[in-house]
PDB file of N, CA and C in Angstrom:
ATOM      1  N   MET A   1      67.565  43.708  97.125  1.00  0.00           N
ATOM      2  CA  MET A   1      66.723  44.726  96.609  1.00  0.00           C
ATOM      3  C   MET A   1      67.106  46.031  96.926  1.00  0.00           C
ATOM      4  N   PHE A   2      67.725  46.299  98.117  1.00  0.00           N
ATOM      5  CA  PHE A   2      68.195  47.581  98.450  1.00  0.00           C
ATOM      6  C   PHE A   2      69.727  47.719  98.340  1.00  0.00           C
ATOM      7  N   LYS A   3      70.250  46.726  97.767  1.00  0.00           N
ATOM      8  CA  LYS A   3      71.829  46.678  97.740  1.00  0.00           C
ATOM      9  C   LYS A   3      72.313  47.521  96.531  1.00  0.00           C
ATOM     10  N   LYS A   4      73.458  47.943  96.850  1.00  0.00           N
ATOM     11  CA  LYS A   4      74.278  48.670  95.817  1.00  0.00           C
ATOM     12  C   LYS A   4      74.248  48.005  94.540  1.00  0.00           C
ATOM     13  N   GLY A   5      73.979  48.674  93.549  1.00  0.00           N
ATOM     14  CA  GLY A   5      73.740  48.132  92.236  1.00  0.00           C
ATOM     15  C   GLY A   5      72.364  47.961  91.716  1.00  0.00           C
ATOM     16  N   SER A   6      71.466  48.245  92.536  1.00  0.00           N
ATOM     17  CA  SER A   6      69.977  48.304  92.241  1.00  0.00           C
ATOM     18  C   SER A   6      69.576  49.826  91.963  1.00  0.00           C
ATOM     19  N   LYS A   7      68.617  50.010  91.080  1.00  0.00           N
ATOM     20  CA  LYS A   7      68.120  51.345  90.896  1.00  0.00           C
ATOM     21  C   LYS A   7      67.404  51.839  92.186  1.00  0.00           C
ATOM     22  N   LEU A   8      66.860  50.954  92.960  1.00  0.00           N
ATOM     23  CA  LEU A   8      66.139  51.323  94.201  1.00  0.00           C
ATOM     24  C   LEU A   8      67.120  51.965  95.230  1.00  0.00           C
ATOM     25  N   TYR A   9      68.294  51.335  95.270  1.00  0.00           N
ATOM     26  CA  TYR A   9      69.386  51.868  96.024  1.00  0.00           C
ATOM     27  C   TYR A   9      69.751  53.314  95.702  1.00  0.00           C
ATOM     28  N   SER A  10      69.905  53.596  94.357  1.00  0.00           N
ATOM     29  CA  SER A  10      70.347  54.931  93.937  1.00  0.00           C
ATOM     30  C   SER A  10      69.146  55.798  94.123  1.00  0.00           C
ATOM     31  N   ILE A  11      67.978  55.453  94.091  1.00  0.00           N
ATOM     32  CA  ILE A  11      66.717  56.349  94.225  1.00  0.00           C
ATOM     33  C   ILE A  11      66.513  56.696  95.673  1.00  0.00           C
ATOM     34  N   LEU A  12      66.692  55.709  96.610  1.00  0.00           N
ATOM     35  CA  LEU A  12      66.405  56.076  97.922  1.00  0.00           C
ATOM     36  C   LEU A  12      67.669  56.766  98.644  1.00  0.00           C
ATOM     37  N   THR A  13      68.935  56.470  98.219  1.00  0.00           N
ATOM     38  CA  THR A  13      70.016  57.177  98.758  1.00  0.00           C
ATOM     39  C   THR A  13      70.551  58.405  98.022  1.00  0.00           C
ATOM     40  N   GLY A  14      70.111  58.546  96.839  1.00  0.00           N
ATOM     41  CA  GLY A  14      70.437  59.779  96.175  1.00  0.00           C
ATOM     42  C   GLY A  14      71.867  59.746  95.667  1.00  0.00           C
ATOM     43  N   THR A  15      72.409  58.459  95.470  1.00  0.00           N
ATOM     44  CA  THR A  15      73.714  58.406  94.941  1.00  0.00           C
ATOM     45  C   THR A  15      73.771  58.418  93.519  1.00  0.00           C
ATOM     46  N   CYS A  16      75.078  58.503  92.945  1.00  0.00           N
ATOM     47  CA  CYS A  16      75.269  58.447  91.664  1.00  0.00           C
ATOM     48  C   CYS A  16      74.669  57.329  90.902  1.00  0.00           C
ATOM     49  N   PRO A  17      73.876  57.478  89.909  1.00  0.00           N
ATOM     50  CA  PRO A  17      73.163  56.345  89.212  1.00  0.00           C
ATOM     51  C   PRO A  17      74.165  55.371  88.535  1.00  0.00           C
ATOM     52  N   LYS A  18      75.364  55.807  88.250  1.00  0.00           N
ATOM     53  CA  LYS A  18      76.401  54.821  87.486  1.00  0.00           C
ATOM     54  C   LYS A  18      77.381  54.183  88.484  1.00  0.00           C
ATOM     55  N   CYS A  19      77.764  54.652  89.524  1.00  0.00           N
ATOM     56  CA  CYS A  19      78.718  54.128  90.459  1.00  0.00           C
ATOM     57  C   CYS A  19      78.182  53.855  91.826  1.00  0.00           C
ATOM     58  N   HIS A  20      77.107  54.428  92.234  1.00  0.00           N
ATOM     59  CA  HIS A  20      76.589  54.425  93.583  1.00  0.00           C
ATOM     60  C   HIS A  20      77.435  54.838  94.646  1.00  0.00           C
ATOM     61  N   GLU A  21      78.480  55.527  94.398  1.00  0.00           N
ATOM     62  CA  GLU A  21      79.353  55.972  95.547  1.00  0.00           C
ATOM     63  C   GLU A  21      79.357  57.191  96.028  1.00  0.00           C
ATOM     64  N   GLU A  22      78.818  58.239  95.392  1.00  0.00           N
ATOM     65  CA  GLU A  22      78.804  59.547  95.945  1.00  0.00           C
ATOM     66  C   GLU A  22      77.340  60.080  95.864  1.00  0.00           C
ATOM     67  N   SER A  23      77.036  60.982  96.749  1.00  0.00           N
ATOM     68  CA  SER A  23      75.719  61.680  96.710  1.00  0.00           C
ATOM     69  C   SER A  23      75.727  62.732  95.398  1.00  0.00           C
ATOM     70  N   MET A  24      74.487  62.727  94.838  1.00  0.00           N
ATOM     71  CA  MET A  24      74.483  63.551  93.744  1.00  0.00           C
ATOM     72  C   MET A  24      74.257  65.083  94.368  1.00  0.00           C
ATOM     73  N   TYR A  25      73.818  65.206  95.543  1.00  0.00           N
ATOM     74  CA  TYR A  25      73.562  66.492  96.176  1.00  0.00           C
ATOM     75  C   TYR A  25      74.684  67.042  97.006  1.00  0.00           C
ATOM     76  N   VAL A  26      74.850  68.494  96.948  1.00  0.00           N
ATOM     77  CA  VAL A  26      75.921  69.037  97.641  1.00  0.00           C
ATOM     78  C   VAL A  26      75.662  68.844  99.196  1.00  0.00           C
ATOM     79  N   ASN A  27      74.365  68.865  99.659  1.00  0.00           N
ATOM     80  CA  ASN A  27      74.083  68.842 101.156  1.00  0.00           C
ATOM     81  C   ASN A  27      73.150  67.574 101.088  1.00  0.00           C
ATOM     82  N   THR A  28      73.573  66.558 102.007  1.00  0.00           N
ATOM     83  CA  THR A  28      72.750  65.242 101.931  1.00  0.00           C
ATOM     84  C   THR A  28      71.430  65.416 102.709  1.00  0.00           C
ATOM     85  N   ASN A  29      71.342  66.438 103.534  1.00  0.00           N
ATOM     86  CA  ASN A  29      70.180  66.859 104.199  1.00  0.00           C
ATOM     87  C   ASN A  29      69.063  67.651 103.457  1.00  0.00           C
ATOM     88  N   PRO A  30      67.918  66.888 102.983  1.00  0.00           N
ATOM     89  CA  PRO A  30      66.981  67.609 102.110  1.00  0.00           C
ATOM     90  C   PRO A  30      66.314  68.692 102.893  1.00  0.00           C
ATOM     91  N   TYR A  31      66.252  68.787 104.246  1.00  0.00           N
ATOM     92  CA  TYR A  31      65.589  69.749 104.924  1.00  0.00           C
ATOM     93  C   TYR A  31      66.261  71.207 105.134  1.00  0.00           C
ATOM     94  N   ILE A  32      67.494  71.259 104.666  1.00  0.00           N
ATOM     95  CA  ILE A  32      68.057  72.520 104.470  1.00  0.00           C
ATOM     96  C   ILE A  32      67.649  73.141 103.189  1.00  0.00           C
ATOM     97  N   LEU A  33      66.558  73.803 103.276  1.00  0.00           N
ATOM     98  CA  LEU A  33      65.800  74.108 101.981  1.00  0.00           C
ATOM     99  C   LEU A  33      66.528  74.894 100.950  1.00  0.00           C
ATOM    100  N   THR A  34      67.386  75.845 101.453  1.00  0.00           N
ATOM    101  CA  THR A  34      68.241  76.521 100.386  1.00  0.00           C
ATOM    102  C   THR A  34      69.100  75.720  99.570  1.00  0.00           C
ATOM    103  N   GLU A  35      69.466  74.510  99.942  1.00  0.00           N
ATOM    104  CA  GLU A  35      70.325  73.713  99.295  1.00  0.00           C
ATOM    105  C   GLU A  35      69.636  72.365  98.938  1.00  0.00           C
ATOM    106  N   ALA A  36      68.273  72.295  99.114  1.00  0.00           N
ATOM    107  CA  ALA A  36      67.622  71.031  98.824  1.00  0.00           C
ATOM    108  C   ALA A  36      67.802  70.366  97.446  1.00  0.00           C
ATOM    109  N   LEU A  37      67.881  71.235  96.450  1.00  0.00           N
ATOM    110  CA  LEU A  37      68.096  70.733  95.021  1.00  0.00           C
ATOM    111  C   LEU A  37      69.289  71.082  94.508  1.00  0.00           C
ATOM    112  N   THR A  38      70.271  71.731  95.306  1.00  0.00           N
ATOM    113  CA  THR A  38      71.511  71.970  94.729  1.00  0.00           C
ATOM    114  C   THR A  38      72.326  70.707  94.490  1.00  0.00           C
ATOM    115  N   MET A  39      72.736  70.340  93.290  1.00  0.00           N
ATOM    116  CA  MET A  39      73.357  69.242  92.852  1.00  0.00           C
ATOM    117  C   MET A  39      74.899  69.424  92.469  1.00  0.00           C
ATOM    118  N   ASN A  40      75.653  68.448  92.606  1.00  0.00           N
ATOM    119  CA  ASN A  40      77.058  68.498  92.272  1.00  0.00           C
ATOM    120  C   ASN A  40      76.954  68.412  90.710  1.00  0.00           C
ATOM    121  N   GLU A  41      77.929  69.101  90.006  1.00  0.00           N
ATOM    122  CA  GLU A  41      77.978  69.060  88.661  1.00  0.00           C
ATOM    123  C   GLU A  41      78.066  67.692  87.942  1.00  0.00           C
ATOM    124  N   LYS A  42      79.015  66.869  88.667  1.00  0.00           N
ATOM    125  CA  LYS A  42      79.404  65.544  88.172  1.00  0.00           C
ATOM    126  C   LYS A  42      79.951  64.722  89.342  1.00  0.00           C
ATOM    127  N   CYS A  43      79.957  63.570  89.168  1.00  0.00           N
ATOM    128  CA  CYS A  43      80.414  62.638  90.222  1.00  0.00           C
ATOM    129  C   CYS A  43      81.950  62.635  90.203  1.00  0.00           C
ATOM    130  N   SER A  44      82.429  62.775  91.419  1.00  0.00           N
ATOM    131  CA  SER A  44      83.942  62.823  91.534  1.00  0.00           C
ATOM    132  C   SER A  44      84.517  61.493  91.504  1.00  0.00           C
ATOM    133  N   ASN A  45      83.673  60.522  91.607  1.00  0.00           N
ATOM    134  CA  ASN A  45      84.216  59.081  91.513  1.00  0.00           C
ATOM    135  C   ASN A  45      84.385  58.632  90.188  1.00  0.00           C
ATOM    136  N   CYS A  46      83.301  58.740  89.334  1.00  0.00           N
ATOM    137  CA  CYS A  46      83.237  58.128  88.007  1.00  0.00           C
ATOM    138  C   CYS A  46      83.156  59.199  86.833  1.00  0.00           C
ATOM    139  N   GLY A  47      82.863  60.493  87.339  1.00  0.00           N
ATOM    140  CA  GLY A  47      82.820  61.652  86.224  1.00  0.00           C
ATOM    141  C   GLY A  47      81.462  61.671  85.549  1.00  0.00           C
ATOM    142  N   THR A  48      80.432  61.007  86.017  1.00  0.00           N
ATOM    143  CA  THR A  48      79.141  61.037  85.501  1.00  0.00           C
ATOM    144  C   THR A  48      78.607  62.507  85.629  1.00  0.00           C
ATOM    145  N   LYS A  49      78.142  63.159  84.539  1.00  0.00           N
ATOM    146  CA  LYS A  49      77.499  64.458  84.499  1.00  0.00           C
ATOM    147  C   LYS A  49      76.109  64.159  84.754  1.00  0.00           C
ATOM    148  N   TYR A  50      75.591  64.899  85.882  1.00  0.00           N
ATOM    149  CA  TYR A  50      74.140  64.774  86.282  1.00  0.00           C
ATOM    150  C   TYR A  50      73.224  65.481  85.377  1.00  0.00           C
ATOM    151  N   LYS A  51      73.530  66.629  84.928  1.00  0.00           N
ATOM    152  CA  LYS A  51      72.681  67.464  84.169  1.00  0.00           C
ATOM    153  C   LYS A  51      72.910  67.086  82.778  1.00  0.00           C
ATOM    154  N   ILE A  52      72.239  66.078  82.247  1.00  0.00           N
ATOM    155  CA  ILE A  52      72.535  65.639  80.836  1.00  0.00           C
ATOM    156  C   ILE A  52      72.307  66.780  79.827  1.00  0.00           C
ATOM    157  N   GLU A  53      71.257  67.577  80.115  1.00  0.00           N
ATOM    158  CA  GLU A  53      71.100  68.730  79.078  1.00  0.00           C
ATOM    159  C   GLU A  53      70.444  69.775  79.857  1.00  0.00           C
ATOM    160  N   PRO A  54      70.330  71.061  79.334  1.00  0.00           N
ATOM    161  CA  PRO A  54      69.553  72.117  80.008  1.00  0.00           C
ATOM    162  C   PRO A  54      68.187  71.761  80.286  1.00  0.00           C
ATOM    163  N   SER A  55      67.760  72.123  81.439  1.00  0.00           N
ATOM    164  CA  SER A  55      66.368  71.684  81.901  1.00  0.00           C
ATOM    165  C   SER A  55      65.951  70.230  81.990  1.00  0.00           C
ATOM    166  N   PHE A  56      67.020  69.517  82.151  1.00  0.00           N
ATOM    167  CA  PHE A  56      66.771  68.077  82.225  1.00  0.00           C
ATOM    168  C   PHE A  56      65.720  67.627  83.255  1.00  0.00           C
ATOM    169  N   PHE A  57      65.859  68.203  84.512  1.00  0.00           N
ATOM    170  CA  PHE A  57      65.117  67.772  85.512  1.00  0.00           C
ATOM    171  C   PHE A  57      63.633  68.378  85.468  1.00  0.00           C
ATOM    172  N   TYR A  58      63.201  69.018  84.486  1.00  0.00           N
ATOM    173  CA  TYR A  58      61.759  69.391  84.384  1.00  0.00           C
ATOM    174  C   TYR A  58      60.912  68.300  84.390  1.00  0.00           C
ATOM    175  N   GLY A  59      61.313  67.210  83.898  1.00  0.00           N
ATOM    176  CA  GLY A  59      60.637  65.910  83.680  1.00  0.00           C
ATOM    177  C   GLY A  59      60.377  65.337  85.091  1.00  0.00           C
ATOM    178  N   ALA A  60      61.173  65.700  86.069  1.00  0.00           N
ATOM    179  CA  ALA A  60      61.024  65.263  87.459  1.00  0.00           C
ATOM    180  C   ALA A  60      59.696  65.777  88.023  1.00  0.00           C
ATOM    181  N   MET A  61      59.232  66.894  87.521  1.00  0.00           N
ATOM    182  CA  MET A  61      57.889  67.428  88.001  1.00  0.00           C
ATOM    183  C   MET A  61      56.742  66.452  87.764  1.00  0.00           C
ATOM    184  N   TYR A  62      56.762  65.780  86.637  1.00  0.00           N
ATOM    185  CA  TYR A  62      55.714  64.771  86.393  1.00  0.00           C
ATOM    186  C   TYR A  62      55.877  63.635  87.376  1.00  0.00           C
ATOM    187  N   VAL A  63      57.075  63.193  87.682  1.00  0.00           N
ATOM    188  CA  VAL A  63      57.256  62.205  88.622  1.00  0.00           C
ATOM    189  C   VAL A  63      56.923  62.583  90.092  1.00  0.00           C
ATOM    190  N   SER A  64      57.078  63.910  90.475  1.00  0.00           N
ATOM    191  CA  SER A  64      56.849  64.321  91.637  1.00  0.00           C
ATOM    192  C   SER A  64      55.262  64.315  91.932  1.00  0.00           C
ATOM    193  N   TYR A  65      54.573  64.581  90.916  1.00  0.00           N
ATOM    194  CA  TYR A  65      53.134  64.444  90.962  1.00  0.00           C
ATOM    195  C   TYR A  65      52.738  62.881  91.536  1.00  0.00           C
ATOM    196  N   ALA A  66      53.238  61.988  90.851  1.00  0.00           N
ATOM    197  CA  ALA A  66      53.017  60.771  91.116  1.00  0.00           C
ATOM    198  C   ALA A  66      53.535  60.276  92.605  1.00  0.00           C
ATOM    199  N   VAL A  67      54.662  60.735  93.018  1.00  0.00           N
ATOM    200  CA  VAL A  67      55.322  60.394  94.296  1.00  0.00           C
ATOM    201  C   VAL A  67      54.340  61.173  95.216  1.00  0.00           C
ATOM    202  N   GLY A  68      53.927  62.362  94.994  1.00  0.00           N
ATOM    203  CA  GLY A  68      53.089  63.139  96.041  1.00  0.00           C
ATOM    204  C   GLY A  68      51.774  62.490  96.182  1.00  0.00           C
ATOM    205  N   ILE A  69      51.247  61.898  95.189  1.00  0.00           N
ATOM    206  CA  ILE A  69      49.907  61.155  95.291  1.00  0.00           C
ATOM    207  C   ILE A  69      50.178  59.926  96.106  1.00  0.00           C
ATOM    208  N   ALA A  70      51.296  59.229  95.947  1.00  0.00           N
ATOM    209  CA  ALA A  70      51.527  58.176  96.874  1.00  0.00           C
ATOM    210  C   ALA A  70      51.689  58.413  98.304  1.00  0.00           C
ATOM    211  N   PHE A  71      52.330  59.556  98.609  1.00  0.00           N
ATOM    212  CA  PHE A  71      52.403  60.034  99.972  1.00  0.00           C
ATOM    213  C   PHE A  71      50.969  60.420 100.526  1.00  0.00           C
ATOM    214  N   ALA A  72      50.207  61.133  99.689  1.00  0.00           N
ATOM    215  CA  ALA A  72      48.852  61.568 100.160  1.00  0.00           C
ATOM    216  C   ALA A  72      47.966  60.331 100.268  1.00  0.00           C
ATOM    217  N   PHE A  73      48.104  59.382  99.519  1.00  0.00           N
ATOM    218  CA  PHE A  73      47.246  58.084  99.745  1.00  0.00           C
ATOM    219  C   PHE A  73      47.737  57.416 100.988  1.00  0.00           C
ATOM    220  N   ALA A  74      49.000  57.297 101.245  1.00  0.00           N
ATOM    221  CA  ALA A  74      49.466  56.668 102.423  1.00  0.00           C
ATOM    222  C   ALA A  74      48.938  57.421 103.755  1.00  0.00           C
ATOM    223  N   ALA A  75      48.957  58.779 103.621  1.00  0.00           N
ATOM    224  CA  ALA A  75      48.395  59.609 104.726  1.00  0.00           C
ATOM    225  C   ALA A  75      46.870  59.343 104.992  1.00  0.00           C
ATOM    226  N   PHE A  76      46.202  59.246 103.805  1.00  0.00           N
ATOM    227  CA  PHE A  76      44.812  59.004 103.912  1.00  0.00           C
ATOM    228  C   PHE A  76      44.567  57.533 104.609  1.00  0.00           C
ATOM    229  N   ILE A  77      45.218  56.538 104.087  1.00  0.00           N
ATOM    230  CA  ILE A  77      45.042  55.284 104.755  1.00  0.00           C
ATOM    231  C   ILE A  77      45.363  55.198 106.060  1.00  0.00           C
ATOM    232  N   ILE A  78      46.365  55.784 106.463  1.00  0.00           N
ATOM    233  CA  ILE A  78      46.801  55.804 107.965  1.00  0.00           C
ATOM    234  C   ILE A  78      45.831  56.551 108.682  1.00  0.00           C
ATOM    235  N   SER A  79      45.420  57.802 108.276  1.00  0.00           N
ATOM    236  CA  SER A  79      44.425  58.486 108.914  1.00  0.00           C
ATOM    237  C   SER A  79      43.091  57.929 109.166  1.00  0.00           C
ATOM    238  N   LEU A  80      42.640  57.275 108.076  1.00  0.00           N
ATOM    239  CA  LEU A  80      41.331  56.516 108.210  1.00  0.00           C
ATOM    240  C   LEU A  80      41.344  55.407 109.006  1.00  0.00           C
ATOM    241  N   TYR A  81      42.229  54.330 108.731  1.00  0.00           N
ATOM    242  CA  TYR A  81      42.338  53.110 109.280  1.00  0.00           C
ATOM    243  C   TYR A  81      42.911  52.903 110.644  1.00  0.00           C
ATOM    244  N   VAL A  82      44.158  53.714 110.800  1.00  0.00           N
ATOM    245  CA  VAL A  82      44.785  53.653 112.063  1.00  0.00           C
ATOM    246  C   VAL A  82      44.242  54.557 113.156  1.00  0.00           C
ATOM    247  N   PHE A  83      43.928  55.867 112.625  1.00  0.00           N
ATOM    248  CA  PHE A  83      43.516  56.840 113.703  1.00  0.00           C
ATOM    249  C   PHE A  83      41.985  57.097 113.588  1.00  0.00           C
ATOM    250  N   ASN A  84      41.448  56.430 112.582  1.00  0.00           N
ATOM    251  CA  ASN A  84      39.870  56.503 112.545  1.00  0.00           C
ATOM    252  C   ASN A  84      39.565  58.097 112.486  1.00  0.00           C
ATOM    253  N   ALA A  85      40.168  58.826 111.704  1.00  0.00           N
ATOM    254  CA  ALA A  85      39.998  60.304 111.646  1.00  0.00           C
ATOM    255  C   ALA A  85      38.691  60.790 110.945  1.00  0.00           C
ATOM    256  N   SER A  86      38.253  61.927 111.123  1.00  0.00           N
ATOM    257  CA  SER A  86      37.066  62.429 110.471  1.00  0.00           C
ATOM    258  C   SER A  86      37.576  62.902 109.102  1.00  0.00           C
ATOM    259  N   LEU A  87      36.692  63.317 108.202  1.00  0.00           N
ATOM    260  CA  LEU A  87      37.149  63.829 106.891  1.00  0.00           C
ATOM    261  C   LEU A  87      37.968  64.966 107.070  1.00  0.00           C
ATOM    262  N   ASN A  88      37.651  65.948 107.950  1.00  0.00           N
ATOM    263  CA  ASN A  88      38.449  67.074 108.089  1.00  0.00           C
ATOM    264  C   ASN A  88      39.877  66.770 108.554  1.00  0.00           C
ATOM    265  N   GLY A  89      39.919  65.740 109.444  1.00  0.00           N
ATOM    266  CA  GLY A  89      41.302  65.347 110.048  1.00  0.00           C
ATOM    267  C   GLY A  89      41.917  64.625 108.955  1.00  0.00           C
ATOM    268  N   ILE A  90      41.396  63.908 108.056  1.00  0.00           N
ATOM    269  CA  ILE A  90      42.121  63.223 106.962  1.00  0.00           C
ATOM    270  C   ILE A  90      42.596  64.366 106.024  1.00  0.00           C
ATOM    271  N   PHE A  91      41.744  65.344 105.642  1.00  0.00           N
ATOM    272  CA  PHE A  91      42.364  66.381 104.834  1.00  0.00           C
ATOM    273  C   PHE A  91      43.563  67.043 105.454  1.00  0.00           C
ATOM    274  N   ILE A  92      43.513  67.433 106.850  1.00  0.00           N
ATOM    275  CA  ILE A  92      44.607  68.056 107.403  1.00  0.00           C
ATOM    276  C   ILE A  92      45.883  67.194 107.400  1.00  0.00           C
ATOM    277  N   SER A  93      45.687  65.858 107.668  1.00  0.00           N
ATOM    278  CA  SER A  93      46.839  64.954 107.749  1.00  0.00           C
ATOM    279  C   SER A  93      47.507  64.887 106.355  1.00  0.00           C
ATOM    280  N   ILE A  94      46.690  64.901 105.276  1.00  0.00           N
ATOM    281  CA  ILE A  94      47.119  64.807 103.960  1.00  0.00           C
ATOM    282  C   ILE A  94      48.004  66.179 103.658  1.00  0.00           C
ATOM    283  N   ILE A  95      47.437  67.277 103.958  1.00  0.00           N
ATOM    284  CA  ILE A  95      48.234  68.517 103.749  1.00  0.00           C
ATOM    285  C   ILE A  95      49.457  68.667 104.535  1.00  0.00           C
ATOM    286  N   VAL A  96      49.416  68.185 105.783  1.00  0.00           N
ATOM    287  CA  VAL A  96      50.519  68.198 106.621  1.00  0.00           C
ATOM    288  C   VAL A  96      51.681  67.308 106.087  1.00  0.00           C
ATOM    289  N   THR A  97      51.149  66.159 105.663  1.00  0.00           N
ATOM    290  CA  THR A  97      52.187  65.149 105.044  1.00  0.00           C
ATOM    291  C   THR A  97      52.819  65.616 103.886  1.00  0.00           C
ATOM    292  N   LEU A  98      52.118  66.255 102.976  1.00  0.00           N
ATOM    293  CA  LEU A  98      52.799  66.884 101.747  1.00  0.00           C
ATOM    294  C   LEU A  98      53.721  67.958 101.976  1.00  0.00           C
ATOM    295  N   VAL A  99      53.421  68.795 103.058  1.00  0.00           N
ATOM    296  CA  VAL A  99      54.239  69.872 103.310  1.00  0.00           C
ATOM    297  C   VAL A  99      55.479  69.435 103.957  1.00  0.00           C
ATOM    298  N   VAL A 100      55.327  68.482 105.017  1.00  0.00           N
ATOM    299  CA  VAL A 100      56.525  67.979 105.815  1.00  0.00           C
ATOM    300  C   VAL A 100      57.548  67.139 104.762  1.00  0.00           C
ATOM    301  N   PHE A 101      57.004  66.377 103.873  1.00  0.00           N
ATOM    302  CA  PHE A 101      57.753  65.547 103.142  1.00  0.00           C
ATOM    303  C   PHE A 101      58.084  66.176 101.734  1.00  0.00           C
ATOM    304  N   MET A 102      57.726  67.446 101.430  1.00  0.00           N
ATOM    305  CA  MET A 102      57.984  67.995 100.097  1.00  0.00           C
ATOM    306  C   MET A 102      59.473  67.921  99.830  1.00  0.00           C
ATOM    307  N   PRO A 103      60.404  68.293 100.680  1.00  0.00           N
ATOM    308  CA  PRO A 103      61.860  68.173 100.246  1.00  0.00           C
ATOM    309  C   PRO A 103      62.308  66.750  99.832  1.00  0.00           C
ATOM    310  N   ILE A 104      61.749  65.736 100.429  1.00  0.00           N
ATOM    311  CA  ILE A 104      62.105  64.491 100.135  1.00  0.00           C
ATOM    312  C   ILE A 104      61.343  64.074  98.958  1.00  0.00           C
ATOM    313  N   ILE A 105      60.051  64.402  98.574  1.00  0.00           N
ATOM    314  CA  ILE A 105      59.416  64.153  97.420  1.00  0.00           C
ATOM    315  C   ILE A 105      60.153  64.714  96.236  1.00  0.00           C
ATOM    316  N   MET A 106      60.536  66.042  96.375  1.00  0.00           N
ATOM    317  CA  MET A 106      61.397  66.575  95.317  1.00  0.00           C
ATOM    318  C   MET A 106      62.701  65.806  94.993  1.00  0.00           C
ATOM    319  N   ARG A 107      63.393  65.427  95.995  1.00  0.00           N
ATOM    320  CA  ARG A 107      64.644  64.765  95.705  1.00  0.00           C
ATOM    321  C   ARG A 107      64.472  63.335  95.173  1.00  0.00           C
ATOM    322  N   VAL A 108      63.484  62.598  95.805  1.00  0.00           N
ATOM    323  CA  VAL A 108      63.246  61.265  95.192  1.00  0.00           C
ATOM    324  C   VAL A 108      62.697  61.357  93.810  1.00  0.00           C
ATOM    325  N   SER A 109      61.948  62.457  93.470  1.00  0.00           N
ATOM    326  CA  SER A 109      61.494  62.511  92.048  1.00  0.00           C
ATOM    327  C   SER A 109      62.747  62.834  91.109  1.00  0.00           C
ATOM    328  N   ARG A 110      63.623  63.599  91.513  1.00  0.00           N
ATOM    329  CA  ARG A 110      64.802  63.666  90.755  1.00  0.00           C
ATOM    330  C   ARG A 110      65.608  62.421  90.632  1.00  0.00           C
ATOM    331  N   ASN A 111      65.730  61.783  91.623  1.00  0.00           N
ATOM    332  CA  ASN A 111      66.436  60.413  91.621  1.00  0.00           C
ATOM    333  C   ASN A 111      65.814  59.495  90.676  1.00  0.00           C
ATOM    334  N   ILE A 112      64.455  59.403  90.803  1.00  0.00           N
ATOM    335  CA  ILE A 112      63.714  58.541  89.861  1.00  0.00           C
ATOM    336  C   ILE A 112      63.906  58.977  88.536  1.00  0.00           C
ATOM    337  N   TRP A 113      63.816  60.237  88.229  1.00  0.00           N
ATOM    338  CA  TRP A 113      63.996  60.769  86.792  1.00  0.00           C
ATOM    339  C   TRP A 113      65.392  60.392  86.180  1.00  0.00           C
ATOM    340  N   ILE A 114      66.459  60.606  87.012  1.00  0.00           N
ATOM    341  CA  ILE A 114      67.717  60.408  86.426  1.00  0.00           C
ATOM    342  C   ILE A 114      67.986  58.963  86.195  1.00  0.00           C
ATOM    343  N   ASN A 115      67.439  58.187  87.029  1.00  0.00           N
ATOM    344  CA  ASN A 115      67.587  56.684  86.936  1.00  0.00           C
ATOM    345  C   ASN A 115      66.792  56.064  85.766  1.00  0.00           C
ATOM    346  N   PHE A 116      65.796  56.764  85.171  1.00  0.00           N
ATOM    347  CA  PHE A 116      65.392  56.307  83.926  1.00  0.00           C
ATOM    348  C   PHE A 116      66.302  56.453  82.807  1.00  0.00           C
ATOM    349  N   PHE A 117      67.256  57.182  82.871  1.00  0.00           N
ATOM    350  CA  PHE A 117      68.191  57.468  81.765  1.00  0.00           C
ATOM    351  C   PHE A 117      69.534  56.773  82.009  1.00  0.00           C
ATOM    352  N   MET A 118      70.013  56.502  83.330  1.00  0.00           N
ATOM    353  CA  MET A 118      71.194  55.993  83.457  1.00  0.00           C
ATOM    354  C   MET A 118      71.053  54.720  84.447  1.00  0.00           C
ATOM    355  N   SER A 119      72.020  53.827  84.136  1.00  0.00           N
ATOM    356  CA  SER A 119      71.981  52.531  84.962  1.00  0.00           C
ATOM    357  C   SER A 119      73.377  52.277  85.611  1.00  0.00           C
ATOM    358  N   TYR A 120      73.455  51.487  86.651  1.00  0.00           N
ATOM    359  CA  TYR A 120      74.608  51.118  87.456  1.00  0.00           C
ATOM    360  C   TYR A 120      75.652  50.344  86.426  1.00  0.00           C
ATOM    361  N   ASP A 121      76.852  50.755  86.555  1.00  0.00           N
ATOM    362  CA  ASP A 121      77.897  50.153  85.847  1.00  0.00           C
ATOM    363  C   ASP A 121      78.835  49.492  86.863  1.00  0.00           C
ATOM    364  N   LYS A 122      78.791  48.221  86.930  1.00  0.00           N
ATOM    365  CA  LYS A 122      79.596  47.530  88.022  1.00  0.00           C
ATOM    366  C   LYS A 122      81.118  47.584  87.647  1.00  0.00           C
ATOM    367  N   THR A 123      81.454  47.900  86.383  1.00  0.00           N
ATOM    368  CA  THR A 123      82.878  48.013  85.981  1.00  0.00           C
ATOM    369  C   THR A 123      83.514  49.214  86.483  1.00  0.00           C
ATOM    370  N   LEU A 124      82.787  50.107  86.899  1.00  0.00           N
ATOM    371  CA  LEU A 124      83.383  51.290  87.455  1.00  0.00           C
ATOM    372  C   LEU A 124      83.991  51.015  88.806  1.00  0.00           C
ATOM    373  N   LYS A 125      85.188  51.407  89.102  1.00  0.00           N
ATOM    374  CA  LYS A 125      85.865  51.182  90.428  1.00  0.00           C
ATOM    375  C   LYS A 125      85.760  52.296  91.245  1.00  0.00           C
ATOM    376  N   LYS A 126      85.763  52.166  92.542  1.00  0.00           N
ATOM    377  CA  LYS A 126      85.739  53.203  93.569  1.00  0.00           C
ATOM    378  C   LYS A 126      87.208  53.667  93.576  1.00  0.00           C
ATOM    379  N   LYS A 127      87.333  55.079  93.570  1.00  0.00           N
ATOM    380  CA  LYS A 127      88.634  55.797  93.503  1.00  0.00           C
ATOM    381  C   LYS A 127      89.325  55.485  94.901  1.00  0.00           C
TER     382      LYS A 127
END
């Protein structure tokens, strides 16, 4: 399920959707905010161009809404059932969760979006 060759592998690791060999991002740490969304132009292993067209990743904003809702829902469930928090505590935990995980939400959204349009090609060999 999380093995190389699955879309989930590419989404969670941020690797090239075609060869799964190289990170799409210049810096693999999403918490360096100045470089959080800075991407390589293309994969140095297989040559896949990441920006298919200008403004390609605008569609990832719609995906980030859904991913953000999933994170907020998880924070809600954990706050309510694990910590038995009050309504104010739940609200604060949701806000803190969304702020802390925003760089990850943005990257995962981009990874999901590009994986809608590209698939793993097992015939591509590692250089």
